[in-house]
Structure formats: structure tokens, C-alpha cells
C-alpha atoms as a PDB file:
ATOM      1  CA  MET A   1      -8.382  34.659  -5.605  1.00  0.00           C
ATOM      2  CA  SER A   2      -6.365  31.538  -4.922  1.00  0.00           C
ATOM      3  CA  ALA A   3      -7.342  28.362  -6.738  1.00  0.00           C
ATOM      4  CA  PHE A   4      -7.347  26.686  -3.332  1.00  0.00           C
ATOM      5  CA  ASP A   5     -10.889  26.574  -1.905  1.00  0.00           C
ATOM      6  CA  VAL A   6     -10.725  24.815   1.432  1.00  0.00           C
ATOM      7  CA  SER A   7     -14.524  24.733   1.717  1.00  0.00           C
ATOM      8  CA  ARG A   8     -14.461  22.137  -1.052  1.00  0.00           C
ATOM      9  CA  ILE A   9     -12.327  19.857   1.065  1.00  0.00           C
ATOM     10  CA  HIS A  10     -14.532  19.889   4.213  1.00  0.00           C
ATOM     11  CA  ASP A  11     -13.225  18.950   7.671  1.00  0.00           C
ATOM     12  CA  LEU A  12     -10.535  16.361   7.091  1.00  0.00           C
ATOM     13  CA  GLY A  13      -8.082  16.841   9.900  1.00  0.00           C
ATOM     14  CA  ALA A  14      -6.051  19.331  11.795  1.00  0.00           C
ATOM     15  CA  ALA A  15      -2.432  20.012  12.489  1.00  0.00           C
ATOM     16  CA  ILE A  16       0.099  22.432  13.905  1.00  0.00           C
ATOM     17  CA  PRO A  17       3.425  21.379  15.426  1.00  0.00           C
ATOM     18  CA  ARG A  18       3.736  21.785  19.176  1.00  0.00           C
ATOM     19  CA  ASP A  19       6.948  19.967  20.021  1.00  0.00           C
ATOM     20  CA  LEU A  20       9.703  22.561  20.278  1.00  0.00           C
ATOM     21  CA  ASN A  21      12.273  19.774  20.212  1.00  0.00           C
ATOM     22  CA  ALA A  22      11.006  18.304  16.941  1.00  0.00           C
ATOM     23  CA  ARG A  23      13.655  18.183  14.245  1.00  0.00           C
ATOM     24  CA  THR A  24      13.015  20.257  11.132  1.00  0.00           C
ATOM     25  CA  SER A  25      15.000  20.939   8.005  1.00  0.00           C
ATOM     26  CA  SER A  26      14.401  22.612   4.671  1.00  0.00           C
ATOM     27  CA  GLY A  27      15.374  21.844   1.109  1.00  0.00           C
ATOM     28  CA  ALA A  28      14.313  18.193   1.189  1.00  0.00           C
ATOM     29  CA  PRO A  29      15.020  16.028  -1.871  1.00  0.00           C
ATOM     30  CA  CYS A  30      11.359  15.723  -2.866  1.00  0.00           C
ATOM     31  CA  GLY A  31      12.214  13.762  -5.994  1.00  0.00           C
ATOM     32  CA  ALA A  32      13.622  10.974  -3.801  1.00  0.00           C
ATOM     33  CA  CYS A  33      10.608  10.844  -1.458  1.00  0.00           C
ATOM     34  CA  PRO A  34       9.744   7.150  -0.953  1.00  0.00           C
ATOM     35  CA  VAL A  35       5.990   7.872  -0.770  1.00  0.00           C
ATOM     36  CA  ARG A  36       5.805  10.589  -3.404  1.00  0.00           C
ATOM     37  CA  GLY A  37       3.384   8.577  -5.536  1.00  0.00           C
ATOM     38  CA  LEU A  38       0.908   8.491  -2.654  1.00  0.00           C
ATOM     39  CA  THR A  39       0.956  12.188  -1.771  1.00  0.00           C
ATOM     40  CA  PHE A  40      -0.733  15.241  -3.235  1.00  0.00           C
ATOM     41  CA  CYS A  41       2.654  16.090  -4.815  1.00  0.00           C
ATOM     42  CA  ALA A  42       2.377  13.015  -7.066  1.00  0.00           C
ATOM     43  CA  PRO A  43       1.257  14.828 -10.270  1.00  0.00           C
ATOM     44  CA  LEU A  44       4.208  17.224 -10.278  1.00  0.00           C
ATOM     45  CA  GLU A  45       7.176  16.974 -12.635  1.00  0.00           C
ATOM     46  CA  GLU A  46      10.747  17.059 -11.334  1.00  0.00           C
ATOM     47  CA  ARG A  47      11.194  20.738 -12.188  1.00  0.00           C
ATOM     48  CA  GLU A  48       7.954  21.581 -10.367  1.00  0.00           C
ATOM     49  CA  LEU A  49       9.054  19.656  -7.298  1.00  0.00           C
ATOM     50  CA  ALA A  50      11.887  22.151  -6.929  1.00  0.00           C
ATOM     51  CA  GLU A  51       9.295  24.769  -5.926  1.00  0.00           C
ATOM     52  CA  VAL A  52       7.842  22.390  -3.373  1.00  0.00           C
ATOM     53  CA  ALA A  53      11.292  21.757  -1.927  1.00  0.00           C
ATOM     54  CA  ARG A  54      11.746  25.497  -1.349  1.00  0.00           C
ATOM     55  CA  ILE A  55       8.778  25.751   1.000  1.00  0.00           C
ATOM     56  CA  VAL A  56       8.609  22.324   2.649  1.00  0.00           C
ATOM     57  CA  LYS A  57      10.060  21.543   6.048  1.00  0.00           C
ATOM     58  CA  HIS A  58      10.438  18.123   7.629  1.00  0.00           C
ATOM     59  CA  LEU A  59       9.110  17.311  11.058  1.00  0.00           C
ATOM     60  CA  THR A  60       9.739  14.202  13.143  1.00  0.00           C
ATOM     61  CA  ILE A  61       7.727  13.590  16.293  1.00  0.00           C
ATOM     62  CA  PRO A  62       7.857  10.659  18.737  1.00  0.00           C
ATOM     63  CA  ALA A  63       5.045   8.288  19.638  1.00  0.00           C
ATOM     64  CA  GLY A  64       2.453   9.903  21.882  1.00  0.00           C
ATOM     65  CA  GLN A  65       3.441  13.458  20.903  1.00  0.00           C
ATOM     66  CA  PRO A  66       0.527  15.752  19.953  1.00  0.00           C
ATOM     67  CA  LEU A  67       0.850  17.386  16.552  1.00  0.00           C
ATOM     68  CA  PHE A  68      -1.967  19.853  17.180  1.00  0.00           C
ATOM     69  CA  ASP A  69      -4.847  20.585  19.520  1.00  0.00           C
ATOM     70  CA  GLU A  70      -8.365  21.366  18.443  1.00  0.00           C
ATOM     71  CA  GLY A  71      -8.880  25.117  18.158  1.00  0.00           C
ATOM     72  CA  GLU A  72      -5.253  26.065  17.419  1.00  0.00           C
ATOM     73  CA  PRO A  73      -4.628  28.418  14.464  1.00  0.00           C
ATOM     74  CA  ALA A  74      -4.633  26.531  11.142  1.00  0.00           C
ATOM     75  CA  ARG A  75      -1.293  27.747   9.806  1.00  0.00           C
ATOM     76  CA  HIS A  76       0.089  24.514   8.353  1.00  0.00           C
ATOM     77  CA  VAL A  77      -0.814  21.522   6.232  1.00  0.00           C
ATOM     78  CA  PHE A  78       1.013  18.205   6.597  1.00  0.00           C
ATOM     79  CA  SER A  79       1.743  15.105   4.564  1.00  0.00           C
ATOM     80  CA  VAL A  80       2.704  11.916   6.419  1.00  0.00           C
ATOM     81  CA  THR A  81       5.851  10.356   4.959  1.00  0.00           C
ATOM     82  CA  GLU A  82       6.458   7.653   7.568  1.00  0.00           C
ATOM     83  CA  GLY A  83       4.663   6.427  10.668  1.00  0.00           C
ATOM     84  CA  ALA A  84       1.041   6.742  11.750  1.00  0.00           C
ATOM     85  CA  MET A  85      -1.202   9.430  13.205  1.00  0.00           C
ATOM     86  CA  LYS A  86      -4.621   9.407  14.825  1.00  0.00           C
ATOM     87  CA  VAL A  87      -7.059  12.302  14.609  1.00  0.00           C
ATOM     88  CA  TYR A  88      -9.762  12.762  17.199  1.00  0.00           C
ATOM     89  CA  LYS A  89     -12.312  15.096  18.713  1.00  0.00           C
ATOM     90  CA  LEU A  90     -13.199  15.526  22.367  1.00  0.00           C
ATOM     91  CA  LEU A  91     -16.902  15.482  23.203  1.00  0.00           C
ATOM     92  CA  PRO A  92     -18.416  17.934  25.707  1.00  0.00           C
ATOM     93  CA  ASP A  93     -18.638  15.215  28.375  1.00  0.00           C
ATOM     94  CA  GLY A  94     -14.930  14.430  28.060  1.00  0.00           C
ATOM     95  CA  ARG A  95     -15.236  11.326  25.920  1.00  0.00           C
ATOM     96  CA  ARG A  96     -13.007  10.993  22.874  1.00  0.00           C
ATOM     97  CA  GLN A  97     -14.093  10.083  19.350  1.00  0.00           C
ATOM     98  CA  VAL A  98     -11.247   8.969  17.104  1.00  0.00           C
ATOM     99  CA  THR A  99     -12.212  10.085  13.606  1.00  0.00           C
ATOM    100  CA  GLY A 100      -9.408   8.509  11.613  1.00  0.00           C
ATOM    101  CA  PHE A 101      -5.988   6.909  11.329  1.00  0.00           C
ATOM    102  CA  LEU A 102      -3.443   8.340   8.904  1.00  0.00           C
ATOM    103  CA  PHE A 103      -0.466   6.606   7.309  1.00  0.00           C
ATOM    104  CA  SER A 104       2.265   7.265   4.747  1.00  0.00           C
ATOM    105  CA  GLY A 105       0.939   9.405   1.913  1.00  0.00           C
ATOM    106  CA  ASP A 106      -2.044  10.773   3.844  1.00  0.00           C
ATOM    107  CA  PHE A 107      -2.443  14.475   4.511  1.00  0.00           C
ATOM    108  CA  LEU A 108      -3.919  16.522   7.342  1.00  0.00           C
ATOM    109  CA  GLY A 109      -4.229  20.140   8.309  1.00  0.00           C
ATOM    110  CA  LEU A 110      -6.889  21.514   5.980  1.00  0.00           C
ATOM    111  CA  ALA A 111      -9.638  23.360   7.818  1.00  0.00           C
ATOM    112  CA  HIS A 112     -12.838  25.254   7.037  1.00  0.00           C
ATOM    113  CA  ASN A 113     -11.981  28.179   9.268  1.00  0.00           C
ATOM    114  CA  GLU A 114      -8.895  29.756  10.791  1.00  0.00           C
ATOM    115  CA  SER A 115      -8.537  27.087  13.464  1.00  0.00           C
ATOM    116  CA  TYR A 116      -8.342  23.313  13.434  1.00  0.00           C
ATOM    117  CA  ALA A 117     -11.483  21.300  14.155  1.00  0.00           C
ATOM    118  CA  TYR A 118      -9.689  18.193  15.440  1.00  0.00           C
ATOM    119  CA  SER A 119      -6.670  17.117  17.434  1.00  0.00           C
ATOM    120  CA  ALA A 120      -3.919  14.809  16.149  1.00  0.00           C
ATOM    121  CA  GLU A 121      -1.281  12.644  17.793  1.00  0.00           C
ATOM    122  CA  ALA A 122       1.490  10.347  16.598  1.00  0.00           C
ATOM    123  CA  MET A 123       0.825   6.673  17.381  1.00  0.00           C
ATOM    124  CA  VAL A 124       4.431   5.738  16.553  1.00  0.00           C
ATOM    125  CA  GLY A 125       7.474   7.809  15.660  1.00  0.00           C
ATOM    126  CA  THR A 126       6.223   9.760  12.648  1.00  0.00           C
ATOM    127  CA  SER A 127       7.808  11.913   9.940  1.00  0.00           C
ATOM    128  CA  LEU A 128       5.839  14.552   8.061  1.00  0.00           C
ATOM    129  CA  CYS A 129       6.313  17.239   5.444  1.00  0.00           C
ATOM    130  CA  ARG A 130       5.081  20.609   6.691  1.00  0.00           C
ATOM    131  CA  PHE A 131       3.714  23.294   4.369  1.00  0.00           C
ATOM    132  CA  GLY A 132       2.701  26.813   5.333  1.00  0.00           C
ATOM    133  CA  ARG A 133      -0.970  27.196   4.487  1.00  0.00           C
ATOM    134  CA  SER A 134      -0.535  30.433   2.520  1.00  0.00           C
ATOM    135  CA  GLU A 135       2.503  29.059   0.679  1.00  0.00           C
ATOM    136  CA  LEU A 136       0.604  25.912  -0.246  1.00  0.00           C
ATOM    137  CA  GLU A 137      -2.256  28.016  -1.600  1.00  0.00           C
ATOM    138  CA  GLY A 138       0.253  29.683  -3.903  1.00  0.00           C
ATOM    139  CA  LEU A 139       1.461  26.298  -5.146  1.00  0.00           C
ATOM    140  CA  LEU A 140      -2.078  25.112  -5.815  1.00  0.00           C
ATOM    141  CA  GLU A 141      -2.753  28.265  -7.800  1.00  0.00           C
ATOM    142  CA  ARG A 142       0.298  27.625 -10.009  1.00  0.00           C
ATOM    143  CA  PHE A 143      -0.205  23.863 -10.270  1.00  0.00           C
ATOM    144  CA  PRO A 144      -3.927  23.035 -10.670  1.00  0.00           C
ATOM    145  CA  GLN A 145      -3.080  19.350 -11.113  1.00  0.00           C
ATOM    146  CA  MET A 146      -1.916  19.394  -7.508  1.00  0.00           C
ATOM    147  CA  GLU A 147      -5.261  20.773  -6.348  1.00  0.00           C
ATOM    148  CA  ARG A 148      -7.131  18.144  -8.358  1.00  0.00           C
ATOM    149  CA  ARG A 149      -5.068  15.463  -6.646  1.00  0.00           C
ATOM    150  CA  LEU A 150      -5.837  16.999  -3.261  1.00  0.00           C
ATOM    151  CA  LEU A 151      -9.552  17.085  -4.012  1.00  0.00           C
ATOM    152  CA  HIS A 152      -9.432  13.456  -5.101  1.00  0.00           C
ATOM    153  CA  MET A 153      -7.782  12.497  -1.821  1.00  0.00           C
ATOM    154  CA  ALA A 154     -10.372  14.542   0.066  1.00  0.00           C
ATOM    155  CA  SER A 155     -13.184  12.682  -1.685  1.00  0.00           C
ATOM    156  CA  HIS A 156     -11.639   9.424  -0.514  1.00  0.00           C
ATOM    157  CA  GLU A 157     -11.489  10.735   3.053  1.00  0.00           C
ATOM    158  CA  LEU A 158     -15.191  11.602   2.907  1.00  0.00           C
ATOM    159  CA  ALA A 159     -15.975   8.080   1.709  1.00  0.00           C
ATOM    160  CA  VAL A 160     -14.003   6.676   4.647  1.00  0.00           C
ATOM    161  CA  ALA A 161     -15.994   8.933   6.987  1.00  0.00           C
ATOM    162  CA  GLN A 162     -19.246   7.568   5.548  1.00  0.00           C
ATOM    163  CA  ASP A 163     -18.018   4.013   6.104  1.00  0.00           C
ATOM    164  CA  GLN A 164     -17.249   4.902   9.708  1.00  0.00           C
ATOM    165  CA  MET A 165     -20.797   6.199  10.191  1.00  0.00           C
ATOM    166  CA  LEU A 166     -22.074   2.800   9.051  1.00  0.00           C
ATOM    167  CA  LEU A 167     -19.700   1.056  11.445  1.00  0.00           C
ATOM    168  CA  LEU A 168     -20.849   3.194  14.357  1.00  0.00           C
ATOM    169  CA  GLY A 169     -24.539   2.903  13.675  1.00  0.00           C
ATOM    170  CA  ARG A 170     -25.428  -0.453  12.198  1.00  0.00           C
ATOM    171  CA  LYS A 171     -22.877  -3.174  12.901  1.00  0.00           C
ATOM    172  CA  THR A 172     -22.210  -5.521  15.797  1.00  0.00           C
ATOM    173  CA  ALA A 173     -18.851  -5.589  17.583  1.00  0.00           C
ATOM    174  CA  LYS A 174     -17.607  -8.551  15.498  1.00  0.00           C
ATOM    175  CA  GLU A 175     -18.769  -6.928  12.270  1.00  0.00           C
ATOM    176  CA  LYS A 176     -17.057  -3.682  13.252  1.00  0.00           C
ATOM    177  CA  ILE A 177     -13.718  -5.324  14.039  1.00  0.00           C
ATOM    178  CA  ALA A 178     -13.844  -7.451  10.877  1.00  0.00           C
ATOM    179  CA  SER A 179     -14.632  -4.382   8.747  1.00  0.00           C
ATOM    180  CA  PHE A 180     -11.873  -2.417  10.452  1.00  0.00           C
ATOM    181  CA  LEU A 181      -9.256  -5.088   9.774  1.00  0.00           C
ATOM    182  CA  LEU A 182     -10.287  -5.378   6.124  1.00  0.00           C
ATOM    183  CA  MET A 183     -10.111  -1.594   5.763  1.00  0.00           C
ATOM    184  CA  LEU A 184      -6.552  -1.530   7.120  1.00  0.00           C
ATOM    185  CA  SER A 185      -5.605  -4.420   4.844  1.00  0.00           C
ATOM    186  CA  ARG A 186      -6.882  -2.545   1.774  1.00  0.00           C
ATOM    187  CA  ARG A 187      -5.030   0.587   2.812  1.00  0.00           C
ATOM    188  CA  GLN A 188      -1.787  -1.377   3.095  1.00  0.00           C
ATOM    189  CA  GLU A 189      -2.303  -2.658  -0.441  1.00  0.00           C
ATOM    190  CA  LEU A 190      -2.905   0.859  -1.731  1.00  0.00           C
ATOM    191  CA  ARG A 191       0.429   1.892  -0.191  1.00  0.00           C
ATOM    192  CA  GLY A 192       2.169  -0.916  -2.055  1.00  0.00           C
ATOM    193  CA  GLN A 193       2.532  -3.128   1.004  1.00  0.00           C
ATOM    194  CA  SER A 194       1.408  -6.690   1.612  1.00  0.00           C
ATOM    195  CA  ALA A 195      -2.238  -6.920   2.607  1.00  0.00           C
ATOM    196  CA  ASN A 196      -1.475  -9.580   5.219  1.00  0.00           C
ATOM    197  CA  PRO A 197      -0.461  -9.507   8.040  1.00  0.00           C
ATOM    198  CA  ILE A 198      -2.052  -6.242   9.128  1.00  0.00           C
ATOM    199  CA  ALA A 199      -0.095  -3.730  11.217  1.00  0.00           C
ATOM    200  CA  LEU A 200      -1.988  -2.250  14.152  1.00  0.00           C
ATOM    201  CA  PRO A 201      -0.018   0.747  15.460  1.00  0.00           C
ATOM    202  CA  MET A 202      -3.087   1.931  17.345  1.00  0.00           C
ATOM    203  CA  SER A 203      -4.040   0.685  20.811  1.00  0.00           C
ATOM    204  CA  ARG A 204      -7.167  -1.304  21.660  1.00  0.00           C
ATOM    205  CA  THR A 205      -8.502   1.883  23.270  1.00  0.00           C
ATOM    206  CA  ASP A 206      -7.893   3.823  20.041  1.00  0.00           C
ATOM    207  CA  ILE A 207      -9.764   1.156  18.073  1.00  0.00           C
ATOM    208  CA  GLY A 208     -12.640   1.311  20.554  1.00  0.00           C
ATOM    209  CA  ASP A 209     -12.818   5.094  20.334  1.00  0.00           C
ATOM    210  CA  TYR A 210     -12.932   4.795  16.537  1.00  0.00           C
ATOM    211  CA  LEU A 211     -15.572   2.063  16.389  1.00  0.00           C
ATOM    212  CA  GLY A 212     -17.713   3.140  19.332  1.00  0.00           C
ATOM    213  CA  LEU A 213     -16.737   0.148  21.504  1.00  0.00           C
ATOM    214  CA  THR A 214     -15.191  -0.211  24.951  1.00  0.00           C
ATOM    215  CA  THR A 215     -11.589  -1.346  25.240  1.00  0.00           C
ATOM    216  CA  GLU A 216     -12.799  -4.548  26.904  1.00  0.00           C
ATOM    217  CA  THR A 217     -15.175  -5.305  24.019  1.00  0.00           C
ATOM    218  CA  VAL A 218     -12.406  -4.764  21.472  1.00  0.00           C
ATOM    219  CA  SER A 219     -10.049  -7.149  23.304  1.00  0.00           C
ATOM    220  CA  ARG A 220     -12.775  -9.754  23.795  1.00  0.00           C
ATOM    221  CA  THR A 221     -13.779  -9.594  20.118  1.00  0.00           C
ATOM    222  CA  PHE A 222     -10.178 -10.078  18.951  1.00  0.00           C
ATOM    223  CA  THR A 223      -9.975 -13.141  21.201  1.00  0.00           C
ATOM    224  CA  GLN A 224     -13.243 -14.508  19.788  1.00  0.00           C
ATOM    225  CA  LEU A 225     -12.034 -14.050  16.213  1.00  0.00           C
ATOM    226  CA  LYS A 226      -8.769 -15.782  17.115  1.00  0.00           C
ATOM    227  CA  THR A 227     -10.592 -18.700  18.758  1.00  0.00           C
ATOM    228  CA  ALA A 228     -12.827 -19.045  15.696  1.00  0.00           C
ATOM    229  CA  GLY A 229      -9.757 -19.306  13.463  1.00  0.00           C
ATOM    230  CA  GLU A 230     -10.488 -16.125  11.553  1.00  0.00           C
ATOM    231  CA  ILE A 231      -7.307 -14.348  12.640  1.00  0.00           C
ATOM    232  CA  ALA A 232      -4.002 -14.960  14.402  1.00  0.00           C
ATOM    233  CA  LEU A 233      -2.487 -12.423  16.793  1.00  0.00           C
ATOM    234  CA  LEU A 234       1.204 -11.966  16.002  1.00  0.00           C
ATOM    235  CA  SER A 235       4.021 -10.186  17.802  1.00  0.00           C
ATOM    236  CA  GLY A 236       4.743  -6.565  16.996  1.00  0.00           C
ATOM    237  CA  ASN A 237       1.085  -5.493  17.047  1.00  0.00           C
ATOM    238  CA  ARG A 238       0.223  -7.420  13.898  1.00  0.00           C
ATOM    239  CA  VAL A 239      -2.817  -9.470  12.949  1.00  0.00           C
ATOM    240  CA  GLU A 240      -2.732 -12.226  10.367  1.00  0.00           C
ATOM    241  CA  VAL A 241      -5.979 -12.919   8.565  1.00  0.00           C
ATOM    242  CA  ALA A 242      -6.317 -16.705   8.398  1.00  0.00           C
ATOM    243  CA  ASP A 243      -9.616 -16.731   6.474  1.00  0.00           C
ATOM    244  CA  SER A 244     -10.106 -13.596   4.389  1.00  0.00           C
ATOM    245  CA  GLY A 245     -13.345 -14.885   2.894  1.00  0.00           C
ATOM    246  CA  GLY A 246     -14.770 -15.667   6.293  1.00  0.00           C
ATOM    247  CA  LEU A 247     -13.728 -12.280   7.638  1.00  0.00           C
ATOM    248  CA  ALA A 248     -15.352 -10.556   4.660  1.00  0.00           C
ATOM    249  CA  ARG A 249     -18.605 -12.468   5.218  1.00  0.00           C
ATOM    250  CA  LEU A 250     -18.499 -11.568   8.887  1.00  0.00           C
ATOM    251  CA  ALA A 251     -18.029  -7.901   8.027  1.00  0.00           C
ATOM    252  CA  GLU A 252     -21.208  -8.096   5.965  1.00  0.00           C
ATOM    253  CA  GLY A 253     -23.137  -9.761   8.774  1.00  0.00           C
ATOM    254  CA  GLU A 254     -23.045 -13.251   7.269  1.00  0.00           C
ATOM    255  CA  GLY A 255     -20.582 -15.086   9.502  1.00  0.00           C
ATOM    256  CA  LEU A 256     -20.100 -16.429  13.018  1.00  0.00           C
END
């Protein structure tokens, strides 16, 4: 039996390429990957990366391009190397619930069953490494440190999902937006980037579908935070946090 037990990972995402015009290539220089330290390949030595390079393919998709649809066969696993993805699920009444935003170093494509439980779409032009599911299982069997890394990343994803449940159920609109901005800031730091300003590649509608708010409420709340001097809205879909302490207190229900 393979060392890879997907039931231990739970439902983290979903992915299968659908763009026939997407550019792919094999034999990537994995040792030179700029986000290697953030991926599930991080524990591997240079000689072990050679095996990864033999099975990996690179995929580049434009903004707005679906990477997978819910229910498609779960044949591939992906690691984001550049750009940003959103994962979401459609509700029976047609509404959309965004379940997460993925950035450089994040992975998606693991599934409980033979099909994906979510849909995914690029928010900006995005590059990914693509692994065949069966081939990846073979790698995880040979390199248990890689599976441990994957499980660690999965545990983090579950913690993020629990935080989202709190956002959806117990916080006001201002508290939700403040918490969301602080979460993105922390994630930038973890990727070795500056924590401020915060890049927002997602739309106001995407943010609303993630936080359980209308697009109008999201826009109005950003304006209120700007007026209060908590944030500044910059060009290029960026937000500068003017008062990190105040924003943190607001996220905990203690401000404004």
C-alpha cells in the first residue's frame, strides 16, 4: 500500500487543468525553484529533486481561467509557484462559497474520492507545478519526509478553515474585514514578503463570498476603515495598514 493516505489530508482543494492552450513543459529545474522552501518538496535533497523533475510538468493559466470544476476526475495535484488561485463550492441554490485563496507555495488537488470536491480558478496569471496523482503517491512512498511535509501543510489548511468558520459565524463585517486583512498580511510574511502593504488579487465579490458578506458591504466596510484611518487604499489592488494595533483590536471586537 502506498504511504500516501489522502483520507488523512481531508478536503483541501481540487484541481485538473482544462485550458487546452495552457503551456506545459517537463524537466523543470526544481533546484532553482524560487518558492521551493514553501512547497511540499522543501525537505528533499538535490539528488531527490531529480526524481521530482522527471514527473513534474509546468502549467501557466491566465486570470479568470478555471483550473478545475467540482466533480471532475482527481488525476492531478498542483503546487502554486507564482500567482494566486481561489477555490470555491457552488451551493444548491446557485450561490457561491469561496473556501480559500492560494498563493505561492500552496498546494491543491488532493481529494477524498476519485473526483474533486471544489472548483478552482486563477485570480491573476498563475504558474503551477502539476503532478500525476499516482506518480506523486510513488514519490511519497519513497520519500516519507515529503509526506510529513504535506501533512503539516494540510494541518495548517484545516486551521485556516476553522478560522473561516469563526469569521462566518461570529464576527461583524468590520471584524471580518480586519481579520481577513491581518490573515493576508501574515501569509505574506510567511512567504518572505513584506507584511505591509497587503496585495489583494481577489475582487470585492470574492472577498464577500469568502466572508459571507455582500459585495456592497465589503466595499462600504473598506471605505469605513479608510475614513477611520485604519487603512489606506493604494493603486494596484493594495491596502496599506496605517494602524496595525488598531486593526488587530478591531479584529478581536475591541475597536471602532
